[in-house]
Structure formats: structure tokens, C-alpha cells
Amino acid sequence: MKPGTLKAISREAPVLIAGPTASGKSALALALAARDGRIVVNADALQVYANWRILTARPSPADEAAVPHALYGHVGRDAAWSAGHWLREVAPLLSRPVVIVGGTGLYFLALTEGLAEVPPIPAAVRAEADALRAGDFAAMRAGLDAATAARIDLRNPARVQRAWEVLQATGRGLADWQAGTGAPLLPPGQAEALVLQAEVGWLDDRIAARFDAMMAAGALHEVRAELPFWDPGRPSSQAIGAAELVAHLRGEAGLDAAVAAAKLASRRYAKRQRTWFRSRMRQASGWRALSLP
């Protein structure tokens, strides 16, 4: 982080920190929490799961002991969890000084732009969606309405499935539901909204180094413990590197190949994040870019 970065960030307003994986978001959040007496609030869709700590780069026990943290590791591997769940849990925390940090852009948009109140998805539609996603994801993607397809990450199976389910269950596309969204909990103008922008080569090096550190810290053992419960269709199973290390543990790939594949998946994920943040989190909508390194 550049010298003077902390001094340029508000001490009073809620702080939002979005950015790609491995860009240093958590370290910045920790520094702000220590400086201002804030609680660090998670805005990452995978760091909520209790079965992953190392592989999702959740804050360490030492970091959690140093300053208060919330919404980390509190959801079971097979529990239902969505942006709506996150928004309901974050709402009461806004009465305290917070720094909200993560890489799930949808959570930040739900917080700062509002979230559509879509009716619950019937179990039968969910089961049909699960089967279609596993058997013919291309058909699921092709079955979306044009307005929704233009707004979501079509390479993200969870996002595509959610949009497909909404269309099938309600007869209205997700984009149409979102057009009727109510007032947000925290408009960007009432917060210090920051999005980290990282130089690609610098970030790729950090991704590789961090995954090596994860392996040294026991990521393979963490995945081995998860193996008896492994279900690739669960949202929790989308943790970057999990599928690759599962393949190794099942004898389907060597360890070096699995690690290389996991690093590649991380780089691709970071690229999708950067693209999404550039298109949805602009200065015009209240977000300020911080360039890295």
C-alpha cells in the first residue's frame, strides 16, 4: 500500500473495501480497524463457511483476536446462503464503526444499491436447476433472459443458476426484479467506498506466493478433512483450489499439477473480479479507486 493511504481514508464514515483476490484488502481493513476501533465485517461469499479457513484466506486467529471480526466462518458447508442472507446479517452491524471488506461485488451492490425481494425458489425448481447445471450448463446459460444475461458473470455457475431459477420460478428475469429494488442500507455517498485496482503481473505473483503459503499452512490437510463431505454442487465447494486439491487426493492429478491448476483458477477468478469491479464500481457511482502496488 502506498505511503499516506491510511491518512487519506475517513476515520468516521463506514469504510467499504472491495478488490480482487490477494490484493491486500484484509491487511488494509485490519490496519483501519486497529486505527479507528472498527469491527472488520466480511463481504466474501466463501469466507463465511466454517469448513474453510486456509483455502479461503480467512483472517488468522491472531488477527481475529487483535480486532473484532464478524461474518467469518459462521455458516455450515451445506447451509443456504445468499446476498440476501448476508445483507440481513450485516444490517445490525452498521450501528457500529465498521470496515466492510471482501471480493464479492454483489454483496457491496446489495448494500449500496439495494437488493430485489425475489420470492423463495420452490424446491422442485431448485432440483431441476441442480440437474441442469450438472448436465448441461450451456443450456442453462442459454435459457436466461437477455437483460439478465447482460448483467451477470456468465462464467459463474452459481450466478447463472440463481438467474435461471428466478426466471423459471417467477416468469420474470432477475434484471427485471432488480429494477424494482428498494432503498439501499448504505448509499455510497454515506460511506468511504474504495475499490483496489492491481497491476496484473504484481497480482499474479501475489496469487502464486499466497497459494504456496496456503499449502505450507496445511491447505491440503484442510481439503482432506472435507473429502468425506465433498459435493461439487455446493456453493461452499467453489472455494478456489478446492476442486483441484480434491482431484489430487483422489489420485486424478499429481500434486504439482493440482497446485498449478489452482493458481491458474485463482488468476482467472481475479481477472473476472477486476472486470466486474471496473464495470460496476466506478467513481460516478461513489467508488474511489486505489491503485496497487
C-alpha atoms as a PDB file:
ATOM      1  CA  MET A   1       0.000   0.000   0.000  1.00  0.00           C
ATOM      2  CA  LYS A   2       1.310   3.456  -0.907  1.00  0.00           C
ATOM      3  CA  PRO A   3       2.528   5.791   1.858  1.00  0.00           C
ATOM      4  CA  GLY A   4      -0.251   8.033   3.112  1.00  0.00           C
ATOM      5  CA  THR A   5      -3.042   5.658   2.100  1.00  0.00           C
ATOM      6  CA  LEU A   6      -4.404   5.326   5.642  1.00  0.00           C
ATOM      7  CA  LYS A   7      -4.298   9.069   6.245  1.00  0.00           C
ATOM      8  CA  ALA A   8      -6.483   9.624   3.170  1.00  0.00           C
ATOM      9  CA  ILE A   9      -9.245   7.331   4.447  1.00  0.00           C
ATOM     10  CA  SER A  10     -12.007   8.647   6.691  1.00  0.00           C
ATOM     11  CA  ARG A  11     -11.858   7.972  10.427  1.00  0.00           C
ATOM     12  CA  GLU A  12     -15.604   8.495  10.884  1.00  0.00           C
ATOM     13  CA  ALA A  13     -17.538   7.135   7.895  1.00  0.00           C
ATOM     14  CA  PRO A  14     -18.134   3.426   7.315  1.00  0.00           C
ATOM     15  CA  VAL A  15     -15.378   2.117   5.029  1.00  0.00           C
ATOM     16  CA  LEU A  16     -16.012  -0.351   2.206  1.00  0.00           C
ATOM     17  CA  ILE A  17     -13.029  -2.139   0.645  1.00  0.00           C
ATOM     18  CA  ALA A  18     -13.608  -4.181  -2.497  1.00  0.00           C
ATOM     19  CA  GLY A  19     -10.936  -5.700  -4.694  1.00  0.00           C
ATOM     20  CA  PRO A  20      -9.608  -8.835  -6.363  1.00  0.00           C
ATOM     21  CA  THR A  21      -8.272 -11.829  -4.503  1.00  0.00           C
ATOM     22  CA  ALA A  22      -4.793 -11.478  -2.960  1.00  0.00           C
ATOM     23  CA  SER A  23      -4.733  -7.696  -3.415  1.00  0.00           C
ATOM     24  CA  GLY A  24      -4.214  -6.903   0.273  1.00  0.00           C
ATOM     25  CA  LYS A  25      -7.782  -5.985   1.245  1.00  0.00           C
ATOM     26  CA  SER A  26      -7.701  -7.759   4.595  1.00  0.00           C
ATOM     27  CA  ALA A  27      -4.428  -6.135   5.662  1.00  0.00           C
ATOM     28  CA  LEU A  28      -5.828  -2.689   4.889  1.00  0.00           C
ATOM     29  CA  ALA A  29      -9.050  -3.494   6.765  1.00  0.00           C
ATOM     30  CA  LEU A  30      -7.078  -4.721   9.779  1.00  0.00           C
ATOM     31  CA  ALA A  31      -4.998  -1.529   9.853  1.00  0.00           C
ATOM     32  CA  LEU A  32      -8.122   0.647   9.686  1.00  0.00           C
ATOM     33  CA  ALA A  33      -9.849  -1.366  12.394  1.00  0.00           C
ATOM     34  CA  ALA A  34      -6.849  -1.014  14.693  1.00  0.00           C
ATOM     35  CA  ARG A  35      -6.556   2.705  13.974  1.00  0.00           C
ATOM     36  CA  ASP A  36     -10.224   3.596  14.414  1.00  0.00           C
ATOM     37  CA  GLY A  37     -11.692   0.940  16.711  1.00  0.00           C
ATOM     38  CA  ARG A  38     -13.752  -0.573  13.892  1.00  0.00           C
ATOM     39  CA  ILE A  39     -15.163  -4.061  13.510  1.00  0.00           C
ATOM     40  CA  VAL A  40     -13.986  -5.905  10.373  1.00  0.00           C
ATOM     41  CA  VAL A  41     -17.039  -7.260   8.525  1.00  0.00           C
ATOM     42  CA  ASN A  42     -16.676  -9.946   5.873  1.00  0.00           C
ATOM     43  CA  ALA A  43     -18.065  -9.371   2.367  1.00  0.00           C
ATOM     44  CA  ASP A  44     -16.682 -12.519   0.755  1.00  0.00           C
ATOM     45  CA  ALA A  45     -19.114 -15.279  -0.224  1.00  0.00           C
ATOM     46  CA  LEU A  46     -16.666 -18.088   0.580  1.00  0.00           C
ATOM     47  CA  GLN A  47     -15.101 -16.823   3.788  1.00  0.00           C
ATOM     48  CA  VAL A  48     -18.469 -17.282   5.507  1.00  0.00           C
ATOM     49  CA  TYR A  49     -18.068 -21.080   5.503  1.00  0.00           C
ATOM     50  CA  ALA A  50     -16.849 -22.780   8.660  1.00  0.00           C
ATOM     51  CA  ASN A  51     -15.154 -25.639   6.815  1.00  0.00           C
ATOM     52  CA  TRP A  52     -12.652 -23.357   5.064  1.00  0.00           C
ATOM     53  CA  ARG A  53     -10.127 -21.129   6.728  1.00  0.00           C
ATOM     54  CA  ILE A  54      -6.793 -21.638   4.984  1.00  0.00           C
ATOM     55  CA  LEU A  55      -8.087 -22.112   1.453  1.00  0.00           C
ATOM     56  CA  THR A  56     -10.291 -19.010   1.510  1.00  0.00           C
ATOM     57  CA  ALA A  57      -7.624 -16.870   3.236  1.00  0.00           C
ATOM     58  CA  ARG A  58      -9.868 -16.052   6.170  1.00  0.00           C
ATOM     59  CA  PRO A  59      -8.248 -13.823   8.801  1.00  0.00           C
ATOM     60  CA  SER A  60      -5.966 -15.776  11.096  1.00  0.00           C
ATOM     61  CA  PRO A  61      -6.888 -16.490  14.717  1.00  0.00           C
ATOM     62  CA  ALA A  62      -4.293 -13.891  15.710  1.00  0.00           C
ATOM     63  CA  ASP A  63      -5.922 -11.254  13.501  1.00  0.00           C
ATOM     64  CA  GLU A  64      -9.360 -12.126  14.854  1.00  0.00           C
ATOM     65  CA  ALA A  65      -8.018 -11.740  18.385  1.00  0.00           C
ATOM     66  CA  ALA A  66      -6.438  -8.375  17.603  1.00  0.00           C
ATOM     67  CA  VAL A  67      -9.627  -6.608  16.464  1.00  0.00           C
ATOM     68  CA  PRO A  68     -13.313  -7.644  16.335  1.00  0.00           C
ATOM     69  CA  HIS A  69     -14.393  -9.570  13.221  1.00  0.00           C
ATOM     70  CA  ALA A  70     -17.887 -10.524  12.035  1.00  0.00           C
ATOM     71  CA  LEU A  71     -19.487 -12.866   9.479  1.00  0.00           C
ATOM     72  CA  TYR A  72     -16.435 -15.085   9.068  1.00  0.00           C
ATOM     73  CA  GLY A  73     -16.670 -18.877   9.231  1.00  0.00           C
ATOM     74  CA  HIS A  74     -20.168 -18.921  10.718  1.00  0.00           C
ATOM     75  CA  VAL A  75     -22.061 -20.857   8.024  1.00  0.00           C
ATOM     76  CA  GLY A  76     -22.139 -24.648   7.633  1.00  0.00           C
ATOM     77  CA  ARG A  77     -20.849 -26.234   4.432  1.00  0.00           C
ATOM     78  CA  ASP A  78     -24.346 -27.163   3.234  1.00  0.00           C
ATOM     79  CA  ALA A  79     -26.314 -24.213   4.640  1.00  0.00           C
ATOM     80  CA  ALA A  80     -28.311 -21.928   2.371  1.00  0.00           C
ATOM     81  CA  TRP A  81     -26.512 -18.605   1.973  1.00  0.00           C
ATOM     82  CA  SER A  82     -27.029 -15.705  -0.413  1.00  0.00           C
ATOM     83  CA  ALA A  83     -26.595 -11.965  -0.775  1.00  0.00           C
ATOM     84  CA  GLY A  84     -29.946 -11.608   0.977  1.00  0.00           C
ATOM     85  CA  HIS A  85     -28.724 -13.627   3.964  1.00  0.00           C
ATOM     86  CA  TRP A  86     -25.571 -11.507   4.091  1.00  0.00           C
ATOM     87  CA  LEU A  87     -27.491  -8.235   3.867  1.00  0.00           C
ATOM     88  CA  ARG A  88     -29.798  -9.207   6.731  1.00  0.00           C
ATOM     89  CA  GLU A  89     -26.830 -10.109   8.946  1.00  0.00           C
ATOM     90  CA  VAL A  90     -24.812  -7.017   8.102  1.00  0.00           C
ATOM     91  CA  ALA A  91     -27.694  -4.589   8.780  1.00  0.00           C
ATOM     92  CA  PRO A  92     -27.452  -4.571  12.612  1.00  0.00           C
ATOM     93  CA  LEU A  93     -23.676  -4.184  12.440  1.00  0.00           C
ATOM     94  CA  LEU A  94     -23.981  -0.803  10.710  1.00  0.00           C
ATOM     95  CA  SER A  95     -24.756   0.848  14.045  1.00  0.00           C
ATOM     96  CA  ARG A  96     -21.091   0.298  14.947  1.00  0.00           C
ATOM     97  CA  PRO A  97     -17.914   1.693  13.338  1.00  0.00           C
ATOM     98  CA  VAL A  98     -17.207  -0.803  10.541  1.00  0.00           C
ATOM     99  CA  VAL A  99     -14.820  -1.598   7.750  1.00  0.00           C
ATOM    100  CA  ILE A 100     -16.533  -3.985   5.337  1.00  0.00           C
ATOM    101  CA  VAL A 101     -14.085  -5.929   3.194  1.00  0.00           C
ATOM    102  CA  GLY A 102     -14.270  -8.615   0.541  1.00  0.00           C
ATOM    103  CA  GLY A 103     -14.187  -9.667  -3.057  1.00  0.00           C
ATOM    104  CA  THR A 104     -17.868 -10.420  -3.663  1.00  0.00           C
ATOM    105  CA  GLY A 105     -19.056  -7.409  -5.601  1.00  0.00           C
ATOM    106  CA  LEU A 106     -22.694  -8.462  -5.441  1.00  0.00           C
ATOM    107  CA  TYR A 107     -22.674  -8.042  -1.664  1.00  0.00           C
ATOM    108  CA  PHE A 108     -21.422  -4.473  -1.964  1.00  0.00           C
ATOM    109  CA  LEU A 109     -24.014  -3.624  -4.604  1.00  0.00           C
ATOM    110  CA  ALA A 110     -26.771  -5.113  -2.442  1.00  0.00           C
ATOM    111  CA  LEU A 111     -25.556  -2.913   0.414  1.00  0.00           C
ATOM    112  CA  THR A 112     -25.124   0.308  -1.560  1.00  0.00           C
ATOM    113  CA  GLU A 113     -27.799  -0.032  -4.259  1.00  0.00           C
ATOM    114  CA  GLY A 114     -30.391  -2.278  -2.596  1.00  0.00           C
ATOM    115  CA  LEU A 115     -31.459  -5.865  -3.173  1.00  0.00           C
ATOM    116  CA  ALA A 116     -34.508  -7.121  -5.039  1.00  0.00           C
ATOM    117  CA  GLU A 117     -37.006  -9.019  -2.878  1.00  0.00           C
ATOM    118  CA  VAL A 118     -37.306 -12.123  -5.058  1.00  0.00           C
ATOM    119  CA  PRO A 119     -39.769 -14.781  -3.796  1.00  0.00           C
ATOM    120  CA  PRO A 120     -38.276 -18.038  -2.461  1.00  0.00           C
ATOM    121  CA  ILE A 121     -37.387 -20.632  -5.093  1.00  0.00           C
ATOM    122  CA  PRO A 122     -39.551 -23.798  -4.896  1.00  0.00           C
ATOM    123  CA  ALA A 123     -37.668 -26.998  -4.113  1.00  0.00           C
ATOM    124  CA  ALA A 124     -38.744 -28.571  -7.404  1.00  0.00           C
ATOM    125  CA  VAL A 125     -37.249 -25.700  -9.415  1.00  0.00           C
ATOM    126  CA  ARG A 126     -34.048 -25.858  -7.360  1.00  0.00           C
ATOM    127  CA  ALA A 127     -33.745 -29.615  -8.011  1.00  0.00           C
ATOM    128  CA  GLU A 128     -34.308 -29.102 -11.732  1.00  0.00           C
ATOM    129  CA  ALA A 129     -31.684 -26.361 -11.746  1.00  0.00           C
ATOM    130  CA  ASP A 130     -29.161 -28.543  -9.914  1.00  0.00           C
ATOM    131  CA  ALA A 131     -29.613 -31.288 -12.501  1.00  0.00           C
ATOM    132  CA  LEU A 132     -29.370 -28.928 -15.453  1.00  0.00           C
ATOM    133  CA  ARG A 133     -26.277 -27.209 -14.071  1.00  0.00           C
ATOM    134  CA  ALA A 134     -24.554 -30.567 -13.663  1.00  0.00           C
ATOM    135  CA  GLY A 135     -25.707 -31.981 -17.007  1.00  0.00           C
ATOM    136  CA  ASP A 136     -25.942 -29.072 -19.445  1.00  0.00           C
ATOM    137  CA  PHE A 137     -24.677 -25.783 -18.052  1.00  0.00           C
ATOM    138  CA  ALA A 138     -24.569 -24.266 -21.544  1.00  0.00           C
ATOM    139  CA  ALA A 139     -28.310 -24.842 -21.905  1.00  0.00           C
ATOM    140  CA  MET A 140     -28.942 -23.218 -18.545  1.00  0.00           C
ATOM    141  CA  ARG A 141     -26.925 -20.195 -19.589  1.00  0.00           C
ATOM    142  CA  ALA A 142     -28.692 -20.003 -22.947  1.00  0.00           C
ATOM    143  CA  GLY A 143     -32.054 -20.088 -21.170  1.00  0.00           C
ATOM    144  CA  LEU A 144     -31.564 -16.751 -19.413  1.00  0.00           C
ATOM    145  CA  ASP A 145     -33.387 -13.630 -20.488  1.00  0.00           C
ATOM    146  CA  ALA A 146     -31.244 -11.167 -22.423  1.00  0.00           C
ATOM    147  CA  ALA A 147     -31.348  -8.361 -19.844  1.00  0.00           C
ATOM    148  CA  THR A 148     -30.143 -10.601 -17.036  1.00  0.00           C
ATOM    149  CA  ALA A 149     -27.516 -12.300 -19.208  1.00  0.00           C
ATOM    150  CA  ALA A 150     -26.035  -8.882 -19.959  1.00  0.00           C
ATOM    151  CA  ARG A 151     -25.680  -8.065 -16.236  1.00  0.00           C
ATOM    152  CA  ILE A 152     -24.229 -11.194 -14.625  1.00  0.00           C
ATOM    153  CA  ASP A 153     -20.981 -13.136 -14.897  1.00  0.00           C
ATOM    154  CA  LEU A 154     -21.981 -15.916 -17.305  1.00  0.00           C
ATOM    155  CA  ARG A 155     -18.919 -17.964 -16.303  1.00  0.00           C
ATOM    156  CA  ASN A 156     -20.052 -18.118 -12.691  1.00  0.00           C
ATOM    157  CA  PRO A 157     -22.256 -21.218 -12.300  1.00  0.00           C
ATOM    158  CA  ALA A 158     -23.820 -20.025  -9.053  1.00  0.00           C
ATOM    159  CA  ARG A 159     -24.859 -16.686 -10.565  1.00  0.00           C
ATOM    160  CA  VAL A 160     -26.211 -18.339 -13.711  1.00  0.00           C
ATOM    161  CA  GLN A 161     -28.175 -20.902 -11.719  1.00  0.00           C
ATOM    162  CA  ARG A 162     -29.663 -18.216  -9.489  1.00  0.00           C
ATOM    163  CA  ALA A 163     -30.803 -16.206 -12.514  1.00  0.00           C
ATOM    164  CA  TRP A 164     -32.241 -19.311 -14.201  1.00  0.00           C
ATOM    165  CA  GLU A 165     -34.142 -20.311 -11.064  1.00  0.00           C
ATOM    166  CA  VAL A 166     -35.656 -16.850 -10.665  1.00  0.00           C
ATOM    167  CA  LEU A 167     -36.829 -16.798 -14.280  1.00  0.00           C
ATOM    168  CA  GLN A 168     -38.317 -20.289 -14.058  1.00  0.00           C
ATOM    169  CA  ALA A 169     -39.969 -19.734 -10.684  1.00  0.00           C
ATOM    170  CA  THR A 170     -41.417 -16.262 -11.258  1.00  0.00           C
ATOM    171  CA  GLY A 171     -41.645 -15.779 -15.004  1.00  0.00           C
ATOM    172  CA  ARG A 172     -39.608 -12.596 -14.608  1.00  0.00           C
ATOM    173  CA  GLY A 173     -35.893 -12.178 -15.214  1.00  0.00           C
ATOM    174  CA  LEU A 174     -33.592 -11.283 -12.343  1.00  0.00           C
ATOM    175  CA  ALA A 175     -32.770  -7.968 -14.028  1.00  0.00           C
ATOM    176  CA  ASP A 176     -36.468  -7.098 -14.014  1.00  0.00           C
ATOM    177  CA  TRP A 177     -36.716  -7.865 -10.298  1.00  0.00           C
ATOM    178  CA  GLN A 178     -33.619  -5.779  -9.642  1.00  0.00           C
ATOM    179  CA  ALA A 179     -35.151  -2.819 -11.472  1.00  0.00           C
ATOM    180  CA  GLY A 180     -37.730  -2.611  -8.671  1.00  0.00           C
ATOM    181  CA  THR A 181     -35.159  -2.654  -5.876  1.00  0.00           C
ATOM    182  CA  GLY A 182     -35.881  -0.620  -2.742  1.00  0.00           C
ATOM    183  CA  ALA A 183     -33.653   1.887  -0.978  1.00  0.00           C
ATOM    184  CA  PRO A 184     -30.153   0.679  -0.011  1.00  0.00           C
ATOM    185  CA  LEU A 185     -28.976   0.241   3.563  1.00  0.00           C
ATOM    186  CA  LEU A 186     -25.822   2.269   2.957  1.00  0.00           C
ATOM    187  CA  PRO A 187     -25.636   4.504  -0.141  1.00  0.00           C
ATOM    188  CA  PRO A 188     -22.039   5.035  -1.309  1.00  0.00           C
ATOM    189  CA  GLY A 189     -22.282   8.741  -0.501  1.00  0.00           C
ATOM    190  CA  GLN A 190     -22.626   7.855   3.170  1.00  0.00           C
ATOM    191  CA  ALA A 191     -19.505   5.677   3.199  1.00  0.00           C
ATOM    192  CA  GLU A 192     -15.872   5.735   2.132  1.00  0.00           C
ATOM    193  CA  ALA A 193     -16.180   3.269  -0.753  1.00  0.00           C
ATOM    194  CA  LEU A 194     -12.827   2.008  -2.055  1.00  0.00           C
ATOM    195  CA  VAL A 195     -12.041  -0.466  -4.809  1.00  0.00           C
ATOM    196  CA  LEU A 196      -8.461  -1.755  -5.105  1.00  0.00           C
ATOM    197  CA  GLN A 197      -7.043  -1.859  -8.623  1.00  0.00           C
ATOM    198  CA  ALA A 198      -3.993  -4.075  -9.013  1.00  0.00           C
ATOM    199  CA  GLU A 199      -1.390  -4.313 -11.772  1.00  0.00           C
ATOM    200  CA  VAL A 200      -1.819  -7.755 -13.325  1.00  0.00           C
ATOM    201  CA  GLY A 201       1.744  -9.048 -13.041  1.00  0.00           C
ATOM    202  CA  TRP A 202       2.080  -7.871  -9.454  1.00  0.00           C
ATOM    203  CA  LEU A 203      -1.212  -9.535  -8.518  1.00  0.00           C
ATOM    204  CA  ASP A 204      -0.358 -12.790 -10.307  1.00  0.00           C
ATOM    205  CA  ASP A 205       2.872 -13.012  -8.308  1.00  0.00           C
ATOM    206  CA  ARG A 206       0.955 -12.454  -5.078  1.00  0.00           C
ATOM    207  CA  ILE A 207      -1.595 -15.108  -6.012  1.00  0.00           C
ATOM    208  CA  ALA A 208       1.162 -17.662  -6.596  1.00  0.00           C
ATOM    209  CA  ALA A 209       3.001 -16.774  -3.393  1.00  0.00           C
ATOM    210  CA  ARG A 210      -0.177 -16.859  -1.334  1.00  0.00           C
ATOM    211  CA  PHE A 211      -1.193 -20.283  -2.613  1.00  0.00           C
ATOM    212  CA  ASP A 212       2.274 -21.609  -1.787  1.00  0.00           C
ATOM    213  CA  ALA A 213       1.822 -20.173   1.708  1.00  0.00           C
ATOM    214  CA  MET A 214      -1.597 -21.832   1.962  1.00  0.00           C
ATOM    215  CA  MET A 215      -0.073 -25.184   1.082  1.00  0.00           C
ATOM    216  CA  ALA A 216       2.646 -24.691   3.683  1.00  0.00           C
ATOM    217  CA  ALA A 217      -0.022 -23.781   6.242  1.00  0.00           C
ATOM    218  CA  GLY A 218      -1.971 -27.008   5.678  1.00  0.00           C
ATOM    219  CA  ALA A 219      -4.422 -26.371   2.826  1.00  0.00           C
ATOM    220  CA  LEU A 220      -4.104 -29.974   1.634  1.00  0.00           C
ATOM    221  CA  HIS A 221      -4.976 -31.277   5.103  1.00  0.00           C
ATOM    222  CA  GLU A 222      -7.969 -28.932   5.190  1.00  0.00           C
ATOM    223  CA  VAL A 223      -9.218 -30.336   1.882  1.00  0.00           C
ATOM    224  CA  ARG A 224      -8.565 -33.914   3.046  1.00  0.00           C
ATOM    225  CA  ALA A 225     -10.788 -33.268   6.062  1.00  0.00           C
ATOM    226  CA  GLU A 226     -13.509 -32.050   3.713  1.00  0.00           C
ATOM    227  CA  LEU A 227     -13.243 -35.025   1.355  1.00  0.00           C
ATOM    228  CA  PRO A 228     -15.861 -37.246   3.095  1.00  0.00           C
ATOM    229  CA  PHE A 229     -18.409 -34.441   2.688  1.00  0.00           C
ATOM    230  CA  TRP A 230     -17.344 -33.265  -0.779  1.00  0.00           C
ATOM    231  CA  ASP A 231     -20.166 -32.228  -3.098  1.00  0.00           C
ATOM    232  CA  PRO A 232     -19.016 -30.129  -6.062  1.00  0.00           C
ATOM    233  CA  GLY A 233     -22.512 -28.686  -6.462  1.00  0.00           C
ATOM    234  CA  ARG A 234     -22.472 -26.890  -3.116  1.00  0.00           C
ATOM    235  CA  PRO A 235     -21.700 -23.154  -3.120  1.00  0.00           C
ATOM    236  CA  SER A 236     -19.105 -23.821  -0.407  1.00  0.00           C
ATOM    237  CA  SER A 237     -17.258 -26.142  -2.804  1.00  0.00           C
ATOM    238  CA  GLN A 238     -16.483 -23.207  -5.076  1.00  0.00           C
ATOM    239  CA  ALA A 239     -13.523 -22.231  -2.890  1.00  0.00           C
ATOM    240  CA  ILE A 240     -10.663 -21.643  -5.314  1.00  0.00           C
ATOM    241  CA  GLY A 241      -8.289 -24.595  -5.236  1.00  0.00           C
ATOM    242  CA  ALA A 242     -10.679 -26.996  -3.527  1.00  0.00           C
ATOM    243  CA  ALA A 243     -11.654 -28.962  -6.639  1.00  0.00           C
ATOM    244  CA  GLU A 244      -8.052 -29.136  -7.811  1.00  0.00           C
ATOM    245  CA  LEU A 245      -6.781 -30.496  -4.488  1.00  0.00           C
ATOM    246  CA  VAL A 246      -9.697 -32.931  -4.283  1.00  0.00           C
ATOM    247  CA  ALA A 247      -8.626 -34.274  -7.697  1.00  0.00           C
ATOM    248  CA  HIS A 248      -5.120 -34.827  -6.332  1.00  0.00           C
ATOM    249  CA  LEU A 249      -6.375 -36.596  -3.213  1.00  0.00           C
ATOM    250  CA  ARG A 250      -8.490 -38.884  -5.392  1.00  0.00           C
ATOM    251  CA  GLY A 251      -5.447 -39.824  -7.457  1.00  0.00           C
ATOM    252  CA  GLU A 252      -6.615 -37.938 -10.531  1.00  0.00           C
ATOM    253  CA  ALA A 253      -3.727 -35.432 -10.628  1.00  0.00           C
ATOM    254  CA  GLY A 254      -0.231 -35.060  -9.250  1.00  0.00           C
ATOM    255  CA  LEU A 255       0.306 -32.507  -6.503  1.00  0.00           C
ATOM    256  CA  ASP A 256       2.372 -30.141  -8.657  1.00  0.00           C
ATOM    257  CA  ALA A 257      -0.262 -30.241 -11.398  1.00  0.00           C
ATOM    258  CA  ALA A 258      -3.047 -29.645  -8.880  1.00  0.00           C
ATOM    259  CA  VAL A 259      -1.247 -26.651  -7.373  1.00  0.00           C
ATOM    260  CA  ALA A 260      -0.574 -25.202 -10.826  1.00  0.00           C
ATOM    261  CA  ALA A 261      -4.236 -25.647 -11.761  1.00  0.00           C
ATOM    262  CA  ALA A 262      -5.346 -23.973  -8.535  1.00  0.00           C
ATOM    263  CA  LYS A 263      -3.085 -20.983  -9.174  1.00  0.00           C
ATOM    264  CA  LEU A 264      -4.453 -20.706 -12.710  1.00  0.00           C
ATOM    265  CA  ALA A 265      -8.022 -20.820 -11.377  1.00  0.00           C
ATOM    266  CA  SER A 266      -7.114 -18.053  -8.910  1.00  0.00           C
ATOM    267  CA  ARG A 267      -5.681 -15.871 -11.669  1.00  0.00           C
ATOM    268  CA  ARG A 268      -8.789 -16.376 -13.797  1.00  0.00           C
ATOM    269  CA  TYR A 269     -11.003 -15.545 -10.843  1.00  0.00           C
ATOM    270  CA  ALA A 270      -9.030 -12.361 -10.190  1.00  0.00           C
ATOM    271  CA  LYS A 271      -9.424 -11.377 -13.832  1.00  0.00           C
ATOM    272  CA  ARG A 272     -13.207 -11.796 -13.601  1.00  0.00           C
ATOM    273  CA  GLN A 273     -13.229  -9.729 -10.424  1.00  0.00           C
ATOM    274  CA  ARG A 274     -11.208  -6.926 -11.995  1.00  0.00           C
ATOM    275  CA  THR A 275     -13.524  -6.819 -14.999  1.00  0.00           C
ATOM    276  CA  TRP A 276     -16.621  -6.778 -12.795  1.00  0.00           C
ATOM    277  CA  PHE A 277     -15.299  -4.078 -10.488  1.00  0.00           C
ATOM    278  CA  ARG A 278     -14.311  -1.867 -13.430  1.00  0.00           C
ATOM    279  CA  SER A 279     -17.780  -2.091 -14.937  1.00  0.00           C
ATOM    280  CA  ARG A 280     -19.866  -1.787 -11.750  1.00  0.00           C
ATOM    281  CA  MET A 281     -17.798   0.150  -9.207  1.00  0.00           C
ATOM    282  CA  ARG A 282     -16.901   3.436 -10.827  1.00  0.00           C
ATOM    283  CA  GLN A 283     -16.247   6.882  -9.421  1.00  0.00           C
ATOM    284  CA  ALA A 284     -19.554   8.041 -10.860  1.00  0.00           C
ATOM    285  CA  SER A 285     -21.359   5.593  -8.593  1.00  0.00           C
ATOM    286  CA  GLY A 286     -19.478   6.689  -5.480  1.00  0.00           C
ATOM    287  CA  TRP A 287     -16.449   4.349  -5.510  1.00  0.00           C
ATOM    288  CA  ARG A 288     -12.869   5.601  -5.326  1.00  0.00           C
ATOM    289  CA  ALA A 289     -10.081   3.545  -6.896  1.00  0.00           C
ATOM    290  CA  LEU A 290      -6.857   2.816  -5.031  1.00  0.00           C
ATOM    291  CA  SER A 291      -4.114   1.701  -7.414  1.00  0.00           C
ATOM    292  CA  LEU A 292      -1.698  -1.053  -6.389  1.00  0.00           C
ATOM    293  CA  PRO A 293       1.091  -1.677  -5.666  1.00  0.00           C
END
